[in-house]
Amino acid sequence: MSYPVAKRILDESVAVVLLLVLSPVFAFIFVAMGLGSALRRADRGGWLYRERRISRGREFELLKFRTLRRDALAGMRGESHVRLLEADESNLTWAGRRILKPWYLDELPQLWNVVRGDMSLVGPRPWPPSMVATQTAQGLSYRNEFVAGWTGPAQVQKGATETSGYAALDLAYVELARAGGAGKLVRTDLAILWQTVRVLARGEGLQF
């Protein structure tokens, strides 16, 4: 079985299972966001937030549960990248601060991105177009050549905080995908997914 076929089968099957298994979590999030919106006017707004990101050179809309207050979103200019605002707790909704960000549950809608084929379960995290352009100008073009991931090797290595550290881990994974064979890649993806579950269970969240 070839790499693209094996990876796509893994992506679709695991993402669909996770959407079904996590349906109670989605229901809990909807209730929490609804209560927060009912109690705090500034928290009201859409349930989902969309960001322009790059996967294999193609732009798509990354889905997230909305964590930012209405006034914080209104103040955004240019290319959207909410993480810059999420660093300030005062910008977060009640649900965003208490429930979504501590466990990075705002990333769960990206499972639908995986089902749609926008991205993979495992790979380099998708970056905004301007950040990809900057990285490409520095000689690192893999985000234009490889499918982006919901999680990846850089996200489960919590000590790799420098951009260069992330790039090295991403490049090692991309090289494995290109030369390691479908079986080895699937085993690696499953191992990274399991590591991701362990990171989230410890409340450490995902870095991207």
N, C-alpha and C. Protein backbone atom coordinates (compact mmCIF):
# COMPACT_ATOMS: atom_id res chain seq x y z
N MET A 1 0.85 -1.20 0.00
CA MET A 1 0.00 0.00 0.00
C MET A 1 0.88 1.25 0.00
N SER A 2 0.58 2.21 -0.84
CA SER A 2 1.41 3.41 -0.94
C SER A 2 1.19 4.34 0.24
N TYR A 3 2.16 5.25 0.43
CA TYR A 3 2.08 6.20 1.55
C TYR A 3 0.81 7.03 1.53
N PRO A 4 0.44 7.71 0.43
CA PRO A 4 -0.75 8.57 0.48
C PRO A 4 -2.02 7.79 0.82
N VAL A 5 -2.16 6.57 0.26
CA VAL A 5 -3.35 5.77 0.52
C VAL A 5 -3.40 5.33 1.98
N ALA A 6 -2.30 4.82 2.50
CA ALA A 6 -2.25 4.34 3.88
C ALA A 6 -2.53 5.47 4.86
N LYS A 7 -1.92 6.61 4.62
CA LYS A 7 -2.10 7.74 5.54
C LYS A 7 -3.53 8.27 5.49
N ARG A 8 -4.11 8.30 4.30
CA ARG A 8 -5.48 8.80 4.17
C ARG A 8 -6.48 7.86 4.83
N ILE A 9 -6.27 6.55 4.70
CA ILE A 9 -7.15 5.59 5.36
C ILE A 9 -7.07 5.75 6.88
N LEU A 10 -5.85 5.89 7.39
CA LEU A 10 -5.67 6.10 8.83
C LEU A 10 -6.35 7.39 9.27
N ASP A 11 -6.15 8.47 8.52
CA ASP A 11 -6.74 9.77 8.88
C ASP A 11 -8.26 9.68 8.98
N GLU A 12 -8.88 9.18 7.93
CA GLU A 12 -10.34 9.15 7.88
C GLU A 12 -10.92 8.23 8.96
N SER A 13 -10.35 7.06 9.11
CA SER A 13 -10.91 6.10 10.07
C SER A 13 -10.76 6.60 11.51
N VAL A 14 -9.58 7.06 11.87
CA VAL A 14 -9.36 7.51 13.25
C VAL A 14 -10.13 8.80 13.53
N ALA A 15 -10.16 9.74 12.59
CA ALA A 15 -10.87 11.00 12.80
C ALA A 15 -12.37 10.76 12.99
N VAL A 16 -12.96 9.88 12.19
CA VAL A 16 -14.40 9.58 12.34
C VAL A 16 -14.67 8.93 13.69
N VAL A 17 -13.82 7.99 14.09
CA VAL A 17 -13.99 7.34 15.39
C VAL A 17 -13.88 8.36 16.52
N LEU A 18 -12.90 9.26 16.44
CA LEU A 18 -12.73 10.27 17.47
C LEU A 18 -13.93 11.22 17.53
N LEU A 19 -14.48 11.60 16.39
CA LEU A 19 -15.66 12.45 16.38
C LEU A 19 -16.83 11.77 17.08
N LEU A 20 -16.98 10.48 16.87
CA LEU A 20 -18.07 9.74 17.51
C LEU A 20 -17.82 9.57 19.01
N VAL A 21 -16.61 9.16 19.36
CA VAL A 21 -16.28 8.92 20.77
C VAL A 21 -16.35 10.21 21.58
N LEU A 22 -15.92 11.30 20.96
CA LEU A 22 -15.87 12.59 21.66
C LEU A 22 -17.16 13.40 21.56
N SER A 23 -18.21 12.81 21.00
CA SER A 23 -19.47 13.55 20.86
C SER A 23 -20.00 14.07 22.20
N PRO A 24 -19.87 13.34 23.33
CA PRO A 24 -20.28 13.92 24.61
C PRO A 24 -19.45 15.15 24.99
N VAL A 25 -18.17 15.14 24.63
CA VAL A 25 -17.31 16.30 24.91
C VAL A 25 -17.76 17.50 24.08
N PHE A 26 -18.10 17.26 22.81
CA PHE A 26 -18.62 18.34 21.97
C PHE A 26 -19.91 18.90 22.57
N ALA A 27 -20.79 18.03 23.04
CA ALA A 27 -22.05 18.48 23.65
C ALA A 27 -21.78 19.32 24.89
N PHE A 28 -20.82 18.88 25.72
CA PHE A 28 -20.46 19.63 26.93
C PHE A 28 -19.92 21.01 26.57
N ILE A 29 -19.09 21.07 25.52
CA ILE A 29 -18.52 22.35 25.09
C ILE A 29 -19.62 23.30 24.62
N PHE A 30 -20.58 22.78 23.85
CA PHE A 30 -21.68 23.62 23.37
C PHE A 30 -22.47 24.20 24.54
N VAL A 31 -22.73 23.37 25.55
CA VAL A 31 -23.47 23.84 26.73
C VAL A 31 -22.66 24.90 27.47
N ALA A 32 -21.36 24.64 27.66
CA ALA A 32 -20.51 25.59 28.39
C ALA A 32 -20.43 26.93 27.65
N MET A 33 -20.25 26.87 26.33
CA MET A 33 -20.18 28.12 25.56
C MET A 33 -21.53 28.84 25.59
N GLY A 34 -22.62 28.09 25.55
CA GLY A 34 -23.94 28.71 25.61
C GLY A 34 -24.19 29.40 26.94
N LEU A 35 -23.79 28.75 28.03
CA LEU A 35 -23.95 29.36 29.35
C LEU A 35 -23.11 30.62 29.48
N GLY A 36 -21.87 30.53 28.99
CA GLY A 36 -21.00 31.71 29.05
C GLY A 36 -21.58 32.87 28.27
N SER A 37 -22.13 32.60 27.10
CA SER A 37 -22.72 33.66 26.28
C SER A 37 -23.96 34.24 26.94
N ALA A 38 -24.72 33.39 27.63
CA ALA A 38 -25.93 33.87 28.30
C ALA A 38 -25.61 34.78 29.48
N LEU A 39 -24.51 34.49 30.16
CA LEU A 39 -24.15 35.23 31.37
C LEU A 39 -23.29 36.45 31.09
N ARG A 40 -22.55 36.44 29.99
CA ARG A 40 -21.63 37.54 29.68
C ARG A 40 -21.84 37.99 28.25
N ARG A 41 -22.32 39.22 28.11
CA ARG A 41 -22.64 39.75 26.78
C ARG A 41 -21.42 39.74 25.86
N ALA A 42 -20.23 40.06 26.42
CA ALA A 42 -19.02 40.14 25.59
C ALA A 42 -18.60 38.78 25.04
N ASP A 43 -19.12 37.70 25.64
CA ASP A 43 -18.76 36.36 25.19
C ASP A 43 -19.60 35.89 24.01
N ARG A 44 -20.63 36.64 23.67
CA ARG A 44 -21.56 36.18 22.63
C ARG A 44 -20.91 36.26 21.25
N GLY A 45 -21.34 35.34 20.39
CA GLY A 45 -20.81 35.30 19.04
C GLY A 45 -20.92 33.90 18.47
N GLY A 46 -20.28 33.67 17.35
CA GLY A 46 -20.33 32.36 16.71
C GLY A 46 -19.63 31.29 17.52
N TRP A 47 -20.03 30.04 17.32
CA TRP A 47 -19.44 28.92 18.04
C TRP A 47 -18.05 28.59 17.48
N LEU A 48 -17.90 28.74 16.18
CA LEU A 48 -16.65 28.36 15.52
C LEU A 48 -15.90 29.59 15.02
N TYR A 49 -14.59 29.44 14.92
CA TYR A 49 -13.73 30.48 14.38
C TYR A 49 -12.92 29.85 13.25
N ARG A 50 -12.69 30.59 12.20
CA ARG A 50 -11.95 30.09 11.04
C ARG A 50 -10.69 30.91 10.82
N GLU A 51 -9.58 30.22 10.57
CA GLU A 51 -8.32 30.88 10.28
C GLU A 51 -7.76 30.38 8.96
N ARG A 52 -7.16 31.26 8.19
CA ARG A 52 -6.51 30.87 6.94
C ARG A 52 -5.17 30.22 7.27
N ARG A 53 -5.01 28.98 6.81
CA ARG A 53 -3.77 28.25 7.03
C ARG A 53 -3.33 27.57 5.73
N ILE A 54 -2.11 27.05 5.72
CA ILE A 54 -1.53 26.41 4.54
C ILE A 54 -1.30 24.92 4.82
N SER A 55 -1.71 24.07 3.89
CA SER A 55 -1.44 22.64 3.94
C SER A 55 -1.05 22.19 2.54
N ARG A 56 0.18 21.70 2.41
CA ARG A 56 0.73 21.28 1.11
C ARG A 56 0.57 22.38 0.07
N GLY A 57 0.87 23.61 0.47
CA GLY A 57 0.84 24.74 -0.45
C GLY A 57 -0.54 25.27 -0.75
N ARG A 58 -1.57 24.66 -0.18
CA ARG A 58 -2.94 25.09 -0.47
C ARG A 58 -3.53 25.77 0.75
N GLU A 59 -4.21 26.89 0.53
CA GLU A 59 -4.84 27.61 1.62
C GLU A 59 -6.21 27.00 1.94
N PHE A 60 -6.49 26.87 3.23
CA PHE A 60 -7.80 26.36 3.66
C PHE A 60 -8.21 27.06 4.95
N GLU A 61 -9.45 26.84 5.38
CA GLU A 61 -9.97 27.44 6.60
C GLU A 61 -9.87 26.44 7.75
N LEU A 62 -8.98 26.71 8.69
CA LEU A 62 -8.82 25.88 9.88
C LEU A 62 -9.95 26.19 10.85
N LEU A 63 -10.59 25.15 11.37
CA LEU A 63 -11.72 25.32 12.28
C LEU A 63 -11.27 25.23 13.74
N LYS A 64 -11.81 26.12 14.57
CA LYS A 64 -11.55 26.09 16.01
C LYS A 64 -12.81 26.53 16.73
N PHE A 65 -13.00 26.04 17.95
CA PHE A 65 -14.01 26.64 18.79
C PHE A 65 -13.54 28.04 19.18
N ARG A 66 -14.45 29.00 19.14
CA ARG A 66 -14.08 30.39 19.43
C ARG A 66 -13.74 30.54 20.92
N THR A 67 -12.57 31.08 21.20
CA THR A 67 -12.12 31.31 22.57
C THR A 67 -12.05 32.79 22.94
N LEU A 68 -12.13 33.68 21.95
CA LEU A 68 -11.93 35.11 22.19
C LEU A 68 -13.25 35.85 22.34
N ARG A 69 -13.22 36.86 23.20
CA ARG A 69 -14.37 37.73 23.37
C ARG A 69 -14.65 38.51 22.09
N ARG A 70 -15.86 39.00 21.97
CA ARG A 70 -16.27 39.70 20.77
C ARG A 70 -15.43 40.94 20.51
N ASP A 71 -15.09 41.70 21.56
CA ASP A 71 -14.32 42.93 21.36
C ASP A 71 -12.89 42.63 20.92
N ALA A 72 -12.32 41.51 21.40
CA ALA A 72 -10.96 41.13 20.98
C ALA A 72 -10.95 40.76 19.51
N LEU A 73 -11.94 40.02 19.07
CA LEU A 73 -12.02 39.65 17.66
C LEU A 73 -12.23 40.87 16.78
N ALA A 74 -13.02 41.82 17.26
CA ALA A 74 -13.30 43.02 16.48
C ALA A 74 -12.04 43.86 16.27
N GLY A 75 -11.07 43.74 17.18
CA GLY A 75 -9.86 44.54 17.08
C GLY A 75 -8.79 43.93 16.21
N MET A 76 -9.04 42.75 15.65
CA MET A 76 -8.03 42.10 14.82
C MET A 76 -7.92 42.79 13.48
N ARG A 77 -6.70 42.89 12.98
CA ARG A 77 -6.44 43.51 11.69
C ARG A 77 -5.55 42.60 10.85
N GLY A 78 -5.78 42.59 9.55
CA GLY A 78 -4.93 41.82 8.65
C GLY A 78 -5.16 40.33 8.80
N GLU A 79 -4.11 39.56 8.58
CA GLU A 79 -4.22 38.12 8.62
C GLU A 79 -4.54 37.63 10.02
N SER A 80 -5.54 36.77 10.11
CA SER A 80 -5.99 36.31 11.42
C SER A 80 -5.04 35.26 11.99
N HIS A 81 -4.73 35.41 13.26
CA HIS A 81 -3.95 34.42 13.99
C HIS A 81 -4.24 34.64 15.46
N VAL A 82 -5.28 33.96 15.96
CA VAL A 82 -5.82 34.29 17.28
C VAL A 82 -4.87 33.95 18.42
N ARG A 83 -3.87 33.10 18.18
CA ARG A 83 -3.00 32.72 19.30
C ARG A 83 -2.29 33.94 19.88
N LEU A 84 -2.01 34.93 19.07
CA LEU A 84 -1.36 36.14 19.56
C LEU A 84 -2.23 36.85 20.59
N LEU A 85 -3.56 36.75 20.43
CA LEU A 85 -4.48 37.38 21.38
C LEU A 85 -4.82 36.45 22.53
N GLU A 86 -4.77 35.14 22.30
CA GLU A 86 -5.11 34.18 23.35
C GLU A 86 -4.09 34.18 24.48
N ALA A 87 -2.90 34.71 24.24
CA ALA A 87 -1.89 34.76 25.28
C ALA A 87 -2.30 35.68 26.42
N ASP A 88 -3.22 36.62 26.15
CA ASP A 88 -3.74 37.53 27.16
C ASP A 88 -5.08 37.00 27.65
N GLU A 89 -5.16 36.55 28.91
CA GLU A 89 -6.38 35.94 29.43
C GLU A 89 -7.58 36.88 29.38
N SER A 90 -7.33 38.19 29.43
CA SER A 90 -8.45 39.13 29.41
C SER A 90 -9.20 39.11 28.09
N ASN A 91 -8.58 38.57 27.05
CA ASN A 91 -9.23 38.49 25.74
C ASN A 91 -10.12 37.26 25.61
N LEU A 92 -10.02 36.32 26.56
CA LEU A 92 -10.70 35.05 26.44
C LEU A 92 -12.12 35.10 27.00
N THR A 93 -13.00 34.33 26.40
CA THR A 93 -14.32 34.12 26.96
C THR A 93 -14.20 33.27 28.23
N TRP A 94 -15.31 33.20 28.98
CA TRP A 94 -15.29 32.36 30.18
C TRP A 94 -14.99 30.92 29.80
N ALA A 95 -15.69 30.39 28.79
CA ALA A 95 -15.47 29.01 28.36
C ALA A 95 -14.07 28.84 27.79
N GLY A 96 -13.58 29.85 27.08
CA GLY A 96 -12.23 29.77 26.52
C GLY A 96 -11.17 29.67 27.60
N ARG A 97 -11.33 30.47 28.66
CA ARG A 97 -10.33 30.50 29.73
C ARG A 97 -10.42 29.28 30.64
N ARG A 98 -11.64 28.87 30.99
CA ARG A 98 -11.82 27.82 31.99
C ARG A 98 -11.84 26.41 31.41
N ILE A 99 -12.25 26.26 30.15
CA ILE A 99 -12.48 24.92 29.61
C ILE A 99 -11.67 24.65 28.35
N LEU A 100 -11.74 25.55 27.37
CA LEU A 100 -11.16 25.25 26.07
C LEU A 100 -9.64 25.31 26.05
N LYS A 101 -9.06 26.42 26.49
CA LYS A 101 -7.61 26.58 26.37
C LYS A 101 -6.80 25.71 27.33
N PRO A 102 -7.24 25.50 28.59
CA PRO A 102 -6.41 24.66 29.46
C PRO A 102 -6.16 23.26 28.91
N TRP A 103 -7.14 22.73 28.15
CA TRP A 103 -7.02 21.38 27.60
C TRP A 103 -6.94 21.41 26.08
N TYR A 104 -6.85 22.59 25.51
CA TYR A 104 -6.80 22.77 24.05
C TYR A 104 -7.96 22.07 23.34
N LEU A 105 -9.12 22.12 23.96
CA LEU A 105 -10.31 21.56 23.35
C LEU A 105 -10.80 22.39 22.17
N ASP A 106 -10.31 23.61 22.05
CA ASP A 106 -10.69 24.44 20.90
C ASP A 106 -10.19 23.86 19.59
N GLU A 107 -9.23 22.92 19.66
CA GLU A 107 -8.68 22.32 18.45
C GLU A 107 -9.52 21.15 17.93
N LEU A 108 -10.49 20.68 18.69
CA LEU A 108 -11.25 19.50 18.29
C LEU A 108 -11.97 19.63 16.95
N PRO A 109 -12.53 20.80 16.58
CA PRO A 109 -13.20 20.88 15.27
C PRO A 109 -12.28 20.57 14.09
N GLN A 110 -10.98 20.60 14.32
CA GLN A 110 -10.07 20.29 13.21
C GLN A 110 -10.13 18.82 12.79
N LEU A 111 -10.77 17.99 13.61
CA LEU A 111 -11.01 16.62 13.18
C LEU A 111 -11.88 16.61 11.92
N TRP A 112 -12.76 17.60 11.81
CA TRP A 112 -13.58 17.71 10.60
C TRP A 112 -12.71 18.15 9.42
N ASN A 113 -11.71 19.02 9.68
CA ASN A 113 -10.74 19.36 8.63
C ASN A 113 -10.03 18.11 8.12
N VAL A 114 -9.73 17.18 9.04
CA VAL A 114 -9.06 15.94 8.66
C VAL A 114 -9.99 15.09 7.79
N VAL A 115 -11.25 14.95 8.20
CA VAL A 115 -12.21 14.16 7.43
C VAL A 115 -12.39 14.75 6.03
N ARG A 116 -12.39 16.07 5.94
CA ARG A 116 -12.58 16.73 4.64
C ARG A 116 -11.35 16.63 3.76
N GLY A 117 -10.20 16.26 4.33
CA GLY A 117 -8.99 16.15 3.54
C GLY A 117 -8.16 17.42 3.52
N ASP A 118 -8.53 18.42 4.33
CA ASP A 118 -7.74 19.66 4.40
C ASP A 118 -6.37 19.40 5.02
N MET A 119 -6.33 18.48 5.96
CA MET A 119 -5.11 18.21 6.69
C MET A 119 -5.11 16.76 7.14
N SER A 120 -4.00 16.33 7.74
CA SER A 120 -3.84 14.97 8.22
C SER A 120 -3.92 14.96 9.74
N LEU A 121 -4.02 13.77 10.32
CA LEU A 121 -3.96 13.68 11.78
C LEU A 121 -2.57 14.05 12.29
N VAL A 122 -1.54 13.64 11.56
CA VAL A 122 -0.15 13.86 11.99
C VAL A 122 0.63 14.52 10.86
N GLY A 123 1.41 15.52 11.22
CA GLY A 123 2.24 16.23 10.26
C GLY A 123 2.66 17.57 10.84
N PRO A 124 3.40 18.38 10.12
CA PRO A 124 3.74 19.72 10.59
C PRO A 124 2.47 20.54 10.78
N ARG A 125 2.36 21.26 11.88
CA ARG A 125 1.16 22.05 12.12
C ARG A 125 0.98 23.09 11.02
N PRO A 126 -0.27 23.36 10.61
CA PRO A 126 -0.51 24.34 9.56
C PRO A 126 -0.29 25.77 10.07
N TRP A 127 0.47 26.54 9.34
CA TRP A 127 0.77 27.92 9.70
C TRP A 127 0.00 28.88 8.80
N PRO A 128 -0.18 30.13 9.25
CA PRO A 128 -0.80 31.15 8.40
C PRO A 128 0.08 31.43 7.18
N PRO A 129 -0.51 31.92 6.09
CA PRO A 129 0.25 32.16 4.86
C PRO A 129 1.49 33.03 5.04
N SER A 130 1.39 34.09 5.83
CA SER A 130 2.55 34.99 5.98
C SER A 130 3.71 34.29 6.69
N MET A 131 3.41 33.45 7.69
CA MET A 131 4.47 32.73 8.40
C MET A 131 5.10 31.68 7.49
N VAL A 132 4.28 31.03 6.66
CA VAL A 132 4.81 30.05 5.71
C VAL A 132 5.73 30.75 4.70
N ALA A 133 5.31 31.93 4.25
CA ALA A 133 6.12 32.68 3.29
C ALA A 133 7.48 33.05 3.90
N THR A 134 7.47 33.46 5.17
CA THR A 134 8.72 33.81 5.86
C THR A 134 9.62 32.59 6.00
N GLN A 135 9.04 31.45 6.39
CA GLN A 135 9.82 30.23 6.54
C GLN A 135 10.38 29.78 5.20
N THR A 136 9.58 29.89 4.15
CA THR A 136 10.03 29.51 2.81
C THR A 136 11.20 30.38 2.36
N ALA A 137 11.13 31.68 2.67
CA ALA A 137 12.22 32.59 2.31
C ALA A 137 13.51 32.23 3.04
N GLN A 138 13.38 31.55 4.17
CA GLN A 138 14.55 31.12 4.93
C GLN A 138 15.09 29.76 4.44
N GLY A 139 14.45 29.22 3.38
CA GLY A 139 14.93 27.97 2.79
C GLY A 139 14.20 26.73 3.25
N LEU A 140 13.14 26.88 4.06
CA LEU A 140 12.37 25.73 4.54
C LEU A 140 11.00 25.75 3.87
N SER A 141 10.84 24.91 2.86
CA SER A 141 9.62 24.95 2.04
C SER A 141 8.69 23.77 2.29
N TYR A 142 8.95 22.97 3.35
CA TYR A 142 8.20 21.73 3.51
C TYR A 142 6.71 21.94 3.76
N ARG A 143 6.33 23.11 4.29
CA ARG A 143 4.89 23.34 4.52
C ARG A 143 4.15 23.57 3.22
N ASN A 144 4.86 23.88 2.16
CA ASN A 144 4.24 23.98 0.83
C ASN A 144 4.26 22.65 0.09
N GLU A 145 4.94 21.65 0.65
CA GLU A 145 5.12 20.38 -0.04
C GLU A 145 4.46 19.20 0.68
N PHE A 146 4.11 19.39 1.96
CA PHE A 146 3.63 18.26 2.75
C PHE A 146 2.34 18.64 3.45
N VAL A 147 1.46 17.65 3.60
CA VAL A 147 0.17 17.89 4.22
C VAL A 147 0.35 18.25 5.71
N ALA A 148 -0.39 19.25 6.16
CA ALA A 148 -0.30 19.70 7.55
C ALA A 148 -0.99 18.71 8.49
N GLY A 149 -0.69 18.78 9.77
CA GLY A 149 -1.24 17.83 10.73
C GLY A 149 -1.98 18.46 11.89
N TRP A 150 -2.94 17.73 12.43
CA TRP A 150 -3.66 18.13 13.65
C TRP A 150 -2.70 18.14 14.83
N THR A 151 -1.80 17.16 14.85
CA THR A 151 -0.71 17.12 15.81
C THR A 151 0.53 16.65 15.06
N GLY A 152 1.66 16.61 15.74
CA GLY A 152 2.89 16.22 15.06
C GLY A 152 4.01 15.98 16.04
N PRO A 153 5.18 15.62 15.55
CA PRO A 153 6.31 15.33 16.44
C PRO A 153 6.72 16.54 17.28
N ALA A 154 6.58 17.73 16.73
CA ALA A 154 6.96 18.93 17.48
C ALA A 154 6.00 19.21 18.63
N GLN A 155 4.74 18.79 18.48
CA GLN A 155 3.74 19.09 19.50
C GLN A 155 3.83 18.18 20.72
N VAL A 156 4.46 17.02 20.57
CA VAL A 156 4.58 16.12 21.72
C VAL A 156 5.96 16.19 22.36
N GLN A 157 6.84 17.03 21.83
CA GLN A 157 8.15 17.27 22.43
C GLN A 157 8.10 18.62 23.12
N LYS A 158 7.66 18.62 24.37
CA LYS A 158 7.39 19.87 25.05
C LYS A 158 8.64 20.70 25.30
N GLY A 159 9.81 20.08 25.26
CA GLY A 159 11.04 20.84 25.50
C GLY A 159 11.54 21.59 24.28
N ALA A 160 10.99 21.27 23.10
CA ALA A 160 11.47 21.90 21.86
C ALA A 160 10.71 23.20 21.64
N THR A 161 11.12 24.24 22.37
CA THR A 161 10.37 25.48 22.33
C THR A 161 10.86 26.44 21.26
N GLU A 162 12.05 26.24 20.76
CA GLU A 162 12.57 27.13 19.74
C GLU A 162 12.06 26.75 18.36
N THR A 163 11.88 27.76 17.50
CA THR A 163 11.40 27.50 16.15
C THR A 163 12.31 26.53 15.42
N SER A 164 13.63 26.68 15.62
CA SER A 164 14.57 25.78 14.96
C SER A 164 14.37 24.35 15.41
N GLY A 165 14.02 24.17 16.71
CA GLY A 165 13.75 22.83 17.22
C GLY A 165 12.52 22.23 16.58
N TYR A 166 11.47 23.03 16.43
CA TYR A 166 10.27 22.58 15.74
C TYR A 166 10.59 22.15 14.31
N ALA A 167 11.35 22.98 13.61
CA ALA A 167 11.66 22.70 12.21
C ALA A 167 12.43 21.39 12.07
N ALA A 168 13.37 21.14 12.96
CA ALA A 168 14.15 19.91 12.89
C ALA A 168 13.26 18.68 13.07
N LEU A 169 12.34 18.75 14.02
CA LEU A 169 11.43 17.63 14.25
C LEU A 169 10.49 17.45 13.06
N ASP A 170 9.99 18.56 12.52
CA ASP A 170 9.11 18.48 11.35
C ASP A 170 9.84 17.87 10.16
N LEU A 171 11.07 18.32 9.92
CA LEU A 171 11.84 17.83 8.77
C LEU A 171 12.15 16.35 8.90
N ALA A 172 12.43 15.89 10.12
CA ALA A 172 12.70 14.46 10.33
C ALA A 172 11.46 13.64 10.00
N TYR A 173 10.29 14.16 10.37
CA TYR A 173 9.05 13.44 10.07
C TYR A 173 8.78 13.43 8.56
N VAL A 174 8.97 14.57 7.92
CA VAL A 174 8.76 14.65 6.47
C VAL A 174 9.67 13.69 5.74
N GLU A 175 10.92 13.59 6.17
CA GLU A 175 11.86 12.68 5.53
C GLU A 175 11.42 11.23 5.72
N LEU A 176 10.91 10.91 6.92
CA LEU A 176 10.39 9.57 7.17
C LEU A 176 9.22 9.27 6.23
N ALA A 177 8.33 10.27 6.06
CA ALA A 177 7.18 10.07 5.19
C ALA A 177 7.60 9.83 3.74
N ARG A 178 8.67 10.47 3.34
CA ARG A 178 9.12 10.35 1.95
C ARG A 178 9.86 9.04 1.69
N ALA A 179 10.57 8.54 2.69
CA ALA A 179 11.46 7.41 2.43
C ALA A 179 11.23 6.20 3.32
N GLY A 180 10.42 6.32 4.34
CA GLY A 180 10.32 5.25 5.33
C GLY A 180 9.34 4.15 5.00
N GLY A 181 8.48 4.33 4.03
CA GLY A 181 7.51 3.31 3.71
C GLY A 181 6.21 3.50 4.45
N ALA A 182 5.11 3.00 3.86
CA ALA A 182 3.78 3.22 4.41
C ALA A 182 3.61 2.60 5.79
N GLY A 183 4.09 1.36 5.97
CA GLY A 183 3.91 0.68 7.24
C GLY A 183 4.59 1.40 8.39
N LYS A 184 5.83 1.81 8.17
CA LYS A 184 6.57 2.51 9.21
C LYS A 184 5.93 3.86 9.53
N LEU A 185 5.42 4.54 8.51
CA LEU A 185 4.79 5.84 8.73
C LEU A 185 3.51 5.69 9.54
N VAL A 186 2.70 4.70 9.23
CA VAL A 186 1.46 4.47 9.99
C VAL A 186 1.78 4.18 11.45
N ARG A 187 2.80 3.35 11.70
CA ARG A 187 3.19 3.06 13.09
C ARG A 187 3.67 4.32 13.80
N THR A 188 4.41 5.16 13.09
CA THR A 188 4.88 6.41 13.67
C THR A 188 3.71 7.33 13.98
N ASP A 189 2.75 7.43 13.06
CA ASP A 189 1.58 8.28 13.29
C ASP A 189 0.80 7.82 14.51
N LEU A 190 0.60 6.50 14.65
CA LEU A 190 -0.13 5.98 15.80
C LEU A 190 0.60 6.27 17.10
N ALA A 191 1.94 6.19 17.07
CA ALA A 191 2.73 6.48 18.27
C ALA A 191 2.60 7.96 18.65
N ILE A 192 2.63 8.84 17.66
CA ILE A 192 2.51 10.28 17.92
C ILE A 192 1.11 10.61 18.44
N LEU A 193 0.09 9.96 17.88
CA LEU A 193 -1.27 10.17 18.38
C LEU A 193 -1.40 9.74 19.83
N TRP A 194 -0.80 8.62 20.18
CA TRP A 194 -0.84 8.15 21.56
C TRP A 194 -0.08 9.12 22.48
N GLN A 195 1.06 9.62 22.03
CA GLN A 195 1.80 10.61 22.82
C GLN A 195 0.97 11.88 23.00
N THR A 196 0.22 12.26 21.97
CA THR A 196 -0.62 13.44 22.06
C THR A 196 -1.70 13.27 23.12
N VAL A 197 -2.31 12.09 23.16
CA VAL A 197 -3.32 11.80 24.18
C VAL A 197 -2.72 11.92 25.57
N ARG A 198 -1.51 11.43 25.75
CA ARG A 198 -0.85 11.50 27.05
C ARG A 198 -0.54 12.95 27.43
N VAL A 199 -0.11 13.76 26.45
CA VAL A 199 0.17 15.17 26.73
C VAL A 199 -1.11 15.87 27.17
N LEU A 200 -2.20 15.63 26.46
CA LEU A 200 -3.48 16.27 26.79
C LEU A 200 -4.00 15.80 28.13
N ALA A 201 -3.81 14.51 28.44
CA ALA A 201 -4.28 13.96 29.73
C ALA A 201 -3.55 14.61 30.89
N ARG A 202 -2.30 15.05 30.65
CA ARG A 202 -1.55 15.75 31.70
C ARG A 202 -1.91 17.23 31.77
N GLY A 203 -2.78 17.69 30.88
CA GLY A 203 -3.18 19.09 30.89
C GLY A 203 -2.12 20.02 30.35
N GLU A 204 -1.21 19.51 29.55
CA GLU A 204 -0.13 20.34 29.01
C GLU A 204 -0.53 21.04 27.72
N GLY A 205 -1.56 20.54 27.08
CA GLY A 205 -1.99 21.18 25.83
C GLY A 205 -1.06 20.93 24.67
N LEU A 206 -1.46 21.39 23.51
CA LEU A 206 -0.66 21.26 22.30
C LEU A 206 -0.06 22.60 21.94
N GLN A 207 1.22 22.60 21.59
CA GLN A 207 1.86 23.80 21.10
C GLN A 207 1.88 23.74 19.58
N PHE A 208 1.77 24.88 18.94
CA PHE A 208 1.81 24.90 17.46
C PHE A 208 2.37 26.20 16.97
